[in-house]
N, C-alpha and C. Protein backbone atom coordinates (compact mmCIF):
# COMPACT_ATOMS: atom_id res chain seq x y z
N MET A 1 -10.39 15.50 39.00
CA MET A 1 -10.33 14.16 38.20
C MET A 1 -11.04 12.89 39.40
N SER A 2 -11.87 12.26 38.79
CA SER A 2 -12.60 11.05 39.71
C SER A 2 -11.43 10.05 39.10
N GLU A 3 -11.68 9.16 39.99
CA GLU A 3 -10.61 8.06 39.86
C GLU A 3 -11.17 6.86 38.72
N ILE A 4 -12.26 7.02 38.48
CA ILE A 4 -12.76 6.49 37.04
C ILE A 4 -12.07 7.24 35.87
N GLU A 5 -12.09 8.16 35.91
CA GLU A 5 -11.46 9.16 35.07
C GLU A 5 -9.83 9.04 34.78
N PHE A 6 -9.45 8.82 35.82
CA PHE A 6 -7.92 8.41 36.10
C PHE A 6 -7.56 7.48 35.45
N LYS A 7 -8.24 6.24 35.73
CA LYS A 7 -7.99 4.66 35.23
C LYS A 7 -8.30 4.84 33.77
N GLU A 8 -9.29 5.59 33.52
CA GLU A 8 -9.38 5.40 32.03
C GLU A 8 -8.16 6.09 31.29
N THR A 9 -7.73 7.15 31.97
CA THR A 9 -6.58 7.99 31.24
C THR A 9 -5.32 6.71 31.18
N LEU A 10 -5.26 5.78 31.85
CA LEU A 10 -4.34 4.66 31.80
C LEU A 10 -4.92 3.54 30.81
N ASN A 11 -5.96 3.55 30.41
CA ASN A 11 -6.20 2.04 29.37
C ASN A 11 -5.46 2.56 27.99
N PRO A 12 -4.86 1.37 27.88
CA PRO A 12 -3.89 1.63 26.71
C PRO A 12 -4.93 1.62 25.30
N ILE A 13 -6.09 0.84 25.45
CA ILE A 13 -6.92 0.91 24.36
C ILE A 13 -7.40 2.32 24.09
N ALA A 14 -7.87 3.24 25.36
CA ALA A 14 -8.54 4.65 24.78
C ALA A 14 -7.10 5.49 24.72
N ILE A 15 -5.83 5.02 25.07
CA ILE A 15 -4.78 5.90 24.39
C ILE A 15 -4.61 6.22 23.26
N VAL A 16 -4.70 4.80 22.88
CA VAL A 16 -4.41 4.61 21.27
C VAL A 16 -5.53 5.26 20.49
N GLN A 17 -6.76 4.89 21.02
CA GLN A 17 -7.83 5.58 19.89
C GLN A 17 -8.18 7.21 20.19
N ASN A 18 -7.54 7.69 21.20
CA ASN A 18 -7.66 8.99 21.56
C ASN A 18 -6.56 9.61 20.75
N ARG A 19 -5.33 8.75 20.37
CA ARG A 19 -4.32 9.88 19.72
C ARG A 19 -4.24 9.63 18.28
N GLN A 20 -4.85 11.16 18.14
CA GLN A 20 -5.25 11.24 16.51
C GLN A 20 -4.06 12.08 16.04
N THR A 21 -3.12 11.56 14.98
CA THR A 21 -2.01 11.93 14.64
C THR A 21 -1.85 11.34 13.20
N VAL A 22 -1.22 11.77 12.24
CA VAL A 22 -0.99 11.36 10.91
C VAL A 22 0.01 9.93 11.54
N GLY A 23 -0.15 8.89 11.02
CA GLY A 23 0.53 7.77 10.99
C GLY A 23 0.46 7.21 12.38
N GLY A 24 -0.40 7.53 13.10
CA GLY A 24 -0.74 7.11 14.33
C GLY A 24 -1.19 5.49 14.36
N PRO A 25 -1.34 4.89 15.79
CA PRO A 25 -1.95 3.69 15.92
C PRO A 25 -3.12 3.35 15.88
N GLN A 26 -3.94 4.43 16.01
CA GLN A 26 -5.59 4.44 15.89
C GLN A 26 -6.35 3.70 14.79
N GLU A 27 -7.37 3.10 15.13
CA GLU A 27 -7.99 2.07 14.02
C GLU A 27 -8.30 2.99 12.73
N SER A 28 -8.94 3.84 12.75
CA SER A 28 -9.25 4.58 11.53
C SER A 28 -7.73 5.19 10.67
N GLU A 29 -6.71 5.61 11.48
CA GLU A 29 -5.36 5.70 10.63
C GLU A 29 -4.95 4.70 10.11
N MET A 30 -4.94 3.50 10.49
CA MET A 30 -4.48 2.28 10.25
C MET A 30 -4.99 1.77 8.95
N LYS A 31 -6.66 1.90 9.14
CA LYS A 31 -7.35 1.62 7.66
C LYS A 31 -7.05 2.39 6.84
N ARG A 32 -6.86 3.66 6.99
CA ARG A 32 -6.28 4.43 5.81
C ARG A 32 -4.68 4.40 5.30
N MET A 33 -4.05 4.17 6.06
CA MET A 33 -2.84 3.72 5.67
C MET A 33 -2.85 2.30 4.76
N LEU A 34 -3.34 1.37 5.25
CA LEU A 34 -3.59 -0.05 4.77
C LEU A 34 -4.65 -0.13 3.59
N ALA A 35 -5.53 1.09 3.45
CA ALA A 35 -5.71 1.26 1.95
C ALA A 35 -4.81 1.89 1.11
N LEU A 36 -4.26 2.78 1.81
CA LEU A 36 -3.26 3.28 0.71
C LEU A 36 -1.98 2.25 0.60
N ALA A 37 -1.71 1.76 1.11
CA ALA A 37 -0.55 0.54 0.95
C ALA A 37 -1.35 -0.51 -0.32
N LYS A 38 -2.70 -0.78 0.08
CA LYS A 38 -2.84 -1.74 -0.81
C LYS A 38 -3.31 -1.06 -2.39
N GLN A 39 -3.33 0.57 -2.26
CA GLN A 39 -3.49 0.81 -3.72
C GLN A 39 -2.49 0.98 -4.21
N THR A 40 -1.07 1.42 -3.66
CA THR A 40 -0.16 1.43 -4.02
C THR A 40 0.56 0.33 -4.75
N ILE A 41 0.30 -0.96 -3.86
CA ILE A 41 0.54 -2.48 -4.59
C ILE A 41 -0.20 -2.48 -5.84
N LYS A 42 -1.43 -2.57 -5.83
CA LYS A 42 -2.24 -2.69 -7.25
C LYS A 42 -1.81 -1.70 -8.32
N ASP A 43 -1.11 -0.67 -8.07
CA ASP A 43 -0.29 0.37 -9.12
C ASP A 43 0.61 -0.06 -9.27
N GLN A 44 1.68 -0.68 -8.41
CA GLN A 44 2.84 -0.98 -8.96
C GLN A 44 2.89 -2.37 -9.60
N THR A 45 1.56 -3.25 -9.03
CA THR A 45 1.41 -4.60 -10.15
C THR A 45 1.23 -4.14 -11.40
N GLN A 46 0.29 -3.15 -11.65
CA GLN A 46 -0.30 -2.92 -13.10
C GLN A 46 1.10 -2.49 -13.81
N TRP A 47 1.98 -1.55 -13.30
CA TRP A 47 2.97 -0.78 -13.70
C TRP A 47 3.75 -1.97 -14.34
N VAL A 48 4.01 -2.90 -13.47
CA VAL A 48 5.07 -4.13 -13.91
C VAL A 48 4.44 -4.75 -14.75
N GLN A 49 3.38 -5.00 -14.88
CA GLN A 49 2.61 -5.80 -15.69
C GLN A 49 2.85 -5.00 -17.22
N THR A 50 2.54 -3.75 -17.48
CA THR A 50 2.51 -3.13 -18.37
C THR A 50 4.10 -2.95 -19.07
N LYS A 51 5.29 -3.05 -18.24
CA LYS A 51 6.51 -3.15 -18.56
C LYS A 51 6.93 -4.50 -19.19
N LYS A 52 6.24 -5.56 -18.55
CA LYS A 52 6.39 -6.94 -19.21
C LYS A 52 5.85 -7.25 -20.45
N ASN A 53 4.69 -6.53 -20.48
CA ASN A 53 3.93 -6.62 -21.88
C ASN A 53 4.76 -5.69 -22.65
N ALA A 54 5.27 -4.92 -22.44
CA ALA A 54 5.99 -3.79 -23.53
C ALA A 54 7.44 -4.75 -23.97
N ILE A 55 8.04 -5.64 -22.70
CA ILE A 55 9.33 -6.07 -23.35
C ILE A 55 8.97 -7.77 -24.05
N ASP A 56 7.91 -8.21 -23.66
CA ASP A 56 7.22 -9.25 -24.56
C ASP A 56 6.99 -8.68 -25.84
N HIS A 57 6.36 -7.92 -26.20
CA HIS A 57 6.10 -7.30 -27.36
C HIS A 57 7.49 -7.14 -28.06
N ALA A 58 8.16 -6.38 -27.76
CA ALA A 58 9.63 -6.07 -28.06
C ALA A 58 10.49 -7.31 -28.40
N ALA A 59 10.50 -8.36 -27.76
CA ALA A 59 11.26 -9.30 -27.84
C ALA A 59 10.64 -10.16 -28.89
N LYS A 60 9.29 -10.35 -29.12
CA LYS A 60 8.65 -10.85 -30.29
C LYS A 60 9.00 -10.00 -31.65
N GLY A 61 9.06 -8.60 -31.60
CA GLY A 61 9.49 -7.96 -32.68
C GLY A 61 10.88 -8.50 -32.94
N LEU A 62 11.86 -8.67 -32.02
CA LEU A 62 13.24 -8.92 -32.70
C LEU A 62 13.24 -10.43 -32.78
N ASP A 63 12.51 -11.23 -32.48
CA ASP A 63 12.51 -12.57 -33.09
C ASP A 63 12.15 -12.30 -34.50
N ARG A 64 10.89 -11.66 -34.80
CA ARG A 64 10.22 -11.48 -36.48
C ARG A 64 11.40 -10.74 -37.18
N ASP A 65 12.08 -9.79 -36.72
CA ASP A 65 13.22 -9.21 -37.56
C ASP A 65 14.30 -10.09 -37.49
N PHE A 66 14.85 -11.04 -36.34
CA PHE A 66 15.71 -11.59 -36.99
C PHE A 66 15.57 -13.02 -37.72
N VAL A 67 14.08 -13.32 -38.00
CA VAL A 67 13.84 -14.48 -38.76
C VAL A 67 13.99 -13.81 -40.48
N LYS A 68 13.69 -12.79 -40.30
CA LYS A 68 13.60 -12.14 -41.89
C LYS A 68 15.23 -11.93 -42.06
N LEU A 69 15.96 -12.01 -41.49
CA LEU A 69 17.63 -11.58 -41.74
C LEU A 69 18.06 -13.21 -41.92
N ILE A 70 17.60 -13.95 -41.39
CA ILE A 70 18.06 -15.26 -41.56
C ILE A 70 17.61 -15.77 -43.36
């Protein structure tokens, strides 16, 4: 191993980029995890909005039924 090769093995950027593991710090894995997190947030936001709409609809139905009883 040459001195240049040895020094490259100590380069923190090279160490991060060459470590190819799931959940690792390399750029491609970070991009994948960020995309997954953004999709999860989008899905959860949509779920919350659907539930809010259902609650609003149910509350309006209760109000209509209550007015009929009065």
